[in-house]
Amino acid sequence: MKRIAKDIIFIIIGCTFMALGVVLFLLPNQLSSGGFSGIATLLYYIFNFKIGTTTLILNIPLFAIAYFKLGKRFFAKAVIRNNSLISIIKHI
């Protein structure tokens, strides 16, 4: 139980730093990162879409692939928790 709580705390801290880096550093300086986060940033600059929501929507096909290829347990533990948390924090 202690290990699970420690993992959750570190995941929350890591996701918060990732989201804050995007929102507080990349956006004000009009920079973009790579991957779906970078695509979401470009869509923010062009169409003013929310970055967190766009990132989450773009990741849906990857969620489906992970569910079938990596199994339910890994999917629930890693993919949903980490990616969703980063997207939610970016949206806030």
N, C-alpha and C. Protein backbone atom coordinates (compact mmCIF):
# COMPACT_ATOMS: atom_id res chain seq x y z
N MET A 1 0.83 -1.19 0.00
CA MET A 1 0.00 0.00 0.00
C MET A 1 0.88 1.26 0.00
N LYS A 2 1.96 1.22 0.77
CA LYS A 2 2.87 2.36 0.84
C LYS A 2 3.52 2.63 -0.52
N ARG A 3 3.88 1.57 -1.21
CA ARG A 3 4.50 1.70 -2.53
C ARG A 3 3.52 2.30 -3.54
N ILE A 4 2.28 1.88 -3.49
CA ILE A 4 1.26 2.40 -4.41
C ILE A 4 1.03 3.88 -4.16
N ALA A 5 0.95 4.27 -2.89
CA ALA A 5 0.76 5.69 -2.56
C ALA A 5 1.94 6.51 -3.03
N LYS A 6 3.14 5.99 -2.86
CA LYS A 6 4.35 6.68 -3.30
C LYS A 6 4.35 6.84 -4.81
N ASP A 7 3.98 5.77 -5.54
CA ASP A 7 3.90 5.84 -7.00
C ASP A 7 2.90 6.89 -7.45
N ILE A 8 1.74 6.93 -6.83
CA ILE A 8 0.70 7.89 -7.20
C ILE A 8 1.17 9.32 -6.97
N ILE A 9 1.83 9.56 -5.85
CA ILE A 9 2.34 10.90 -5.54
C ILE A 9 3.37 11.33 -6.58
N PHE A 10 4.30 10.43 -6.94
CA PHE A 10 5.32 10.77 -7.94
C PHE A 10 4.70 10.98 -9.32
N ILE A 11 3.69 10.21 -9.66
CA ILE A 11 3.02 10.38 -10.95
C ILE A 11 2.32 11.74 -11.00
N ILE A 12 1.64 12.11 -9.93
CA ILE A 12 0.97 13.42 -9.88
C ILE A 12 1.98 14.55 -9.99
N ILE A 13 3.09 14.44 -9.29
CA ILE A 13 4.13 15.48 -9.35
C ILE A 13 4.73 15.55 -10.76
N GLY A 14 5.04 14.41 -11.36
CA GLY A 14 5.61 14.39 -12.71
C GLY A 14 4.65 14.95 -13.75
N CYS A 15 3.39 14.57 -13.67
CA CYS A 15 2.39 15.08 -14.62
C CYS A 15 2.19 16.57 -14.45
N THR A 16 2.23 17.04 -13.21
CA THR A 16 2.08 18.47 -12.95
C THR A 16 3.24 19.25 -13.55
N PHE A 17 4.47 18.77 -13.36
CA PHE A 17 5.63 19.45 -13.94
C PHE A 17 5.58 19.46 -15.46
N MET A 18 5.16 18.34 -16.05
CA MET A 18 5.04 18.27 -17.51
C MET A 18 4.03 19.29 -18.02
N ALA A 19 2.86 19.33 -17.40
CA ALA A 19 1.82 20.25 -17.84
C ALA A 19 2.21 21.70 -17.60
N LEU A 20 2.83 21.98 -16.46
CA LEU A 20 3.25 23.35 -16.16
C LEU A 20 4.35 23.81 -17.13
N GLY A 21 5.22 22.89 -17.51
CA GLY A 21 6.26 23.24 -18.49
C GLY A 21 5.66 23.66 -19.82
N VAL A 22 4.63 22.96 -20.24
CA VAL A 22 3.98 23.31 -21.50
C VAL A 22 3.25 24.64 -21.37
N VAL A 23 2.46 24.77 -20.32
CA VAL A 23 1.60 25.95 -20.18
C VAL A 23 2.38 27.20 -19.79
N LEU A 24 3.39 27.07 -18.94
CA LEU A 24 4.11 28.25 -18.46
C LEU A 24 5.37 28.59 -19.26
N PHE A 25 5.90 27.63 -20.00
CA PHE A 25 7.13 27.89 -20.75
C PHE A 25 6.90 27.87 -22.26
N LEU A 26 6.34 26.79 -22.77
CA LEU A 26 6.20 26.66 -24.21
C LEU A 26 5.19 27.63 -24.80
N LEU A 27 4.01 27.72 -24.21
CA LEU A 27 2.97 28.59 -24.77
C LEU A 27 3.35 30.07 -24.76
N PRO A 28 3.81 30.63 -23.65
CA PRO A 28 4.16 32.06 -23.69
C PRO A 28 5.27 32.40 -24.67
N ASN A 29 6.16 31.46 -24.92
CA ASN A 29 7.27 31.69 -25.84
C ASN A 29 6.98 31.20 -27.25
N GLN A 30 5.76 30.80 -27.50
CA GLN A 30 5.30 30.31 -28.80
C GLN A 30 6.20 29.21 -29.35
N LEU A 31 6.48 28.24 -28.50
CA LEU A 31 7.27 27.07 -28.87
C LEU A 31 6.34 25.87 -28.92
N SER A 32 6.80 24.81 -29.53
CA SER A 32 6.00 23.59 -29.60
C SER A 32 6.89 22.40 -29.28
N SER A 33 6.31 21.40 -28.65
CA SER A 33 7.04 20.17 -28.37
C SER A 33 6.75 19.16 -29.47
N GLY A 34 7.20 17.94 -29.30
CA GLY A 34 6.96 16.91 -30.29
C GLY A 34 5.75 16.06 -29.96
N GLY A 35 5.37 15.23 -30.87
CA GLY A 35 4.29 14.28 -30.66
C GLY A 35 2.91 14.94 -30.66
N PHE A 36 1.96 14.26 -30.00
CA PHE A 36 0.60 14.78 -29.95
C PHE A 36 0.52 16.07 -29.15
N SER A 37 1.37 16.24 -28.19
CA SER A 37 1.39 17.49 -27.44
C SER A 37 1.79 18.65 -28.35
N GLY A 38 2.72 18.40 -29.25
CA GLY A 38 3.13 19.42 -30.21
C GLY A 38 2.04 19.73 -31.22
N ILE A 39 1.34 18.69 -31.68
CA ILE A 39 0.21 18.90 -32.59
C ILE A 39 -0.88 19.70 -31.89
N ALA A 40 -1.14 19.38 -30.63
CA ALA A 40 -2.15 20.12 -29.85
C ALA A 40 -1.73 21.57 -29.67
N THR A 41 -0.44 21.81 -29.49
CA THR A 41 0.06 23.18 -29.36
C THR A 41 -0.13 23.95 -30.65
N LEU A 42 0.16 23.32 -31.77
CA LEU A 42 -0.04 23.97 -33.07
C LEU A 42 -1.52 24.29 -33.30
N LEU A 43 -2.40 23.36 -32.94
CA LEU A 43 -3.83 23.61 -33.08
C LEU A 43 -4.30 24.73 -32.14
N TYR A 44 -3.62 24.86 -31.02
CA TYR A 44 -3.92 25.97 -30.11
C TYR A 44 -3.55 27.30 -30.77
N TYR A 45 -2.38 27.35 -31.38
CA TYR A 45 -1.94 28.58 -32.03
C TYR A 45 -2.83 28.96 -33.22
N ILE A 46 -3.25 27.96 -33.99
CA ILE A 46 -4.03 28.23 -35.20
C ILE A 46 -5.51 28.47 -34.91
N PHE A 47 -6.11 27.55 -34.12
CA PHE A 47 -7.57 27.60 -33.91
C PHE A 47 -7.99 27.95 -32.49
N ASN A 48 -7.02 28.13 -31.58
CA ASN A 48 -7.28 28.43 -30.18
C ASN A 48 -8.03 27.30 -29.46
N PHE A 49 -7.73 26.03 -29.85
CA PHE A 49 -8.29 24.87 -29.16
C PHE A 49 -7.55 24.69 -27.84
N LYS A 50 -8.23 24.18 -26.83
CA LYS A 50 -7.59 23.87 -25.54
C LYS A 50 -6.57 22.75 -25.74
N ILE A 51 -5.39 22.93 -25.20
CA ILE A 51 -4.31 21.95 -25.39
C ILE A 51 -4.63 20.63 -24.70
N GLY A 52 -5.11 20.68 -23.47
CA GLY A 52 -5.39 19.46 -22.73
C GLY A 52 -6.45 18.61 -23.40
N THR A 53 -7.52 19.23 -23.84
CA THR A 53 -8.60 18.49 -24.50
C THR A 53 -8.14 17.92 -25.83
N THR A 54 -7.41 18.70 -26.59
CA THR A 54 -6.91 18.24 -27.88
C THR A 54 -5.94 17.07 -27.72
N THR A 55 -5.06 17.15 -26.75
CA THR A 55 -4.12 16.06 -26.50
C THR A 55 -4.87 14.78 -26.14
N LEU A 56 -5.87 14.91 -25.29
CA LEU A 56 -6.65 13.74 -24.89
C LEU A 56 -7.37 13.13 -26.08
N ILE A 57 -7.96 13.95 -26.93
CA ILE A 57 -8.67 13.45 -28.11
C ILE A 57 -7.71 12.77 -29.08
N LEU A 58 -6.55 13.38 -29.29
CA LEU A 58 -5.56 12.79 -30.20
C LEU A 58 -5.03 11.45 -29.68
N ASN A 59 -5.01 11.27 -28.37
CA ASN A 59 -4.50 10.03 -27.77
C ASN A 59 -5.50 8.89 -27.77
N ILE A 60 -6.75 9.13 -28.10
CA ILE A 60 -7.77 8.07 -28.05
C ILE A 60 -7.38 6.86 -28.92
N PRO A 61 -6.92 7.05 -30.16
CA PRO A 61 -6.50 5.86 -30.93
C PRO A 61 -5.36 5.09 -30.26
N LEU A 62 -4.44 5.80 -29.64
CA LEU A 62 -3.35 5.12 -28.93
C LEU A 62 -3.86 4.38 -27.70
N PHE A 63 -4.87 4.94 -27.03
CA PHE A 63 -5.49 4.24 -25.90
C PHE A 63 -6.07 2.91 -26.36
N ALA A 64 -6.76 2.92 -27.51
CA ALA A 64 -7.37 1.69 -28.03
C ALA A 64 -6.30 0.65 -28.38
N ILE A 65 -5.24 1.09 -29.03
CA ILE A 65 -4.16 0.17 -29.38
C ILE A 65 -3.51 -0.40 -28.12
N ALA A 66 -3.26 0.45 -27.14
CA ALA A 66 -2.65 -0.02 -25.89
C ALA A 66 -3.54 -1.02 -25.17
N TYR A 67 -4.84 -0.79 -25.20
CA TYR A 67 -5.78 -1.69 -24.54
C TYR A 67 -5.69 -3.09 -25.13
N PHE A 68 -5.64 -3.18 -26.46
CA PHE A 68 -5.63 -4.49 -27.10
C PHE A 68 -4.25 -5.13 -27.13
N LYS A 69 -3.21 -4.33 -27.27
CA LYS A 69 -1.85 -4.89 -27.40
C LYS A 69 -1.19 -5.15 -26.04
N LEU A 70 -1.42 -4.27 -25.07
CA LEU A 70 -0.71 -4.38 -23.80
C LEU A 70 -1.54 -4.98 -22.67
N GLY A 71 -2.82 -5.09 -22.86
CA GLY A 71 -3.68 -5.69 -21.85
C GLY A 71 -4.38 -4.67 -20.99
N LYS A 72 -5.45 -5.15 -20.35
CA LYS A 72 -6.28 -4.27 -19.53
C LYS A 72 -5.54 -3.69 -18.33
N ARG A 73 -4.75 -4.52 -17.69
CA ARG A 73 -4.07 -4.07 -16.47
C ARG A 73 -3.10 -2.92 -16.74
N PHE A 74 -2.24 -3.09 -17.72
CA PHE A 74 -1.29 -2.04 -18.07
C PHE A 74 -2.02 -0.80 -18.56
N PHE A 75 -3.06 -1.02 -19.36
CA PHE A 75 -3.84 0.09 -19.89
C PHE A 75 -4.43 0.92 -18.76
N ALA A 76 -5.06 0.29 -17.82
CA ALA A 76 -5.69 1.01 -16.71
C ALA A 76 -4.65 1.67 -15.82
N LYS A 77 -3.56 0.98 -15.59
CA LYS A 77 -2.55 1.48 -14.66
C LYS A 77 -1.75 2.64 -15.23
N ALA A 78 -1.27 2.50 -16.43
CA ALA A 78 -0.33 3.48 -16.97
C ALA A 78 -0.94 4.46 -17.94
N VAL A 79 -1.59 3.97 -18.93
CA VAL A 79 -2.02 4.82 -20.03
C VAL A 79 -3.08 5.82 -19.58
N ILE A 80 -4.15 5.33 -19.00
CA ILE A 80 -5.24 6.25 -18.62
C ILE A 80 -4.78 7.19 -17.52
N ARG A 81 -4.16 6.66 -16.51
CA ARG A 81 -3.78 7.49 -15.36
C ARG A 81 -2.81 8.59 -15.76
N ASN A 82 -1.76 8.26 -16.46
CA ASN A 82 -0.72 9.25 -16.78
C ASN A 82 -1.16 10.23 -17.86
N ASN A 83 -1.62 9.74 -18.98
CA ASN A 83 -1.99 10.63 -20.08
C ASN A 83 -3.20 11.48 -19.75
N SER A 84 -4.17 10.90 -19.10
CA SER A 84 -5.35 11.67 -18.74
C SER A 84 -5.01 12.75 -17.72
N LEU A 85 -4.17 12.42 -16.77
CA LEU A 85 -3.81 13.39 -15.75
C LEU A 85 -3.05 14.58 -16.35
N ILE A 86 -2.13 14.32 -17.26
CA ILE A 86 -1.41 15.41 -17.92
C ILE A 86 -2.38 16.28 -18.70
N SER A 87 -3.29 15.67 -19.43
CA SER A 87 -4.26 16.44 -20.22
C SER A 87 -5.16 17.27 -19.33
N ILE A 88 -5.59 16.72 -18.23
CA ILE A 88 -6.45 17.46 -17.31
C ILE A 88 -5.73 18.65 -16.71
N ILE A 89 -4.49 18.46 -16.30
CA ILE A 89 -3.73 19.56 -15.70
C ILE A 89 -3.45 20.65 -16.75
N LYS A 90 -3.16 20.26 -18.00
CA LYS A 90 -2.95 21.25 -19.06
C LYS A 90 -4.22 22.05 -19.31
N HIS A 91 -5.35 21.39 -19.22
CA HIS A 91 -6.64 22.04 -19.47
C HIS A 91 -6.95 23.07 -18.40
N ILE A 92 -6.56 22.80 -17.18
CA ILE A 92 -6.82 23.72 -16.06
C ILE A 92 -5.93 24.92 -16.21
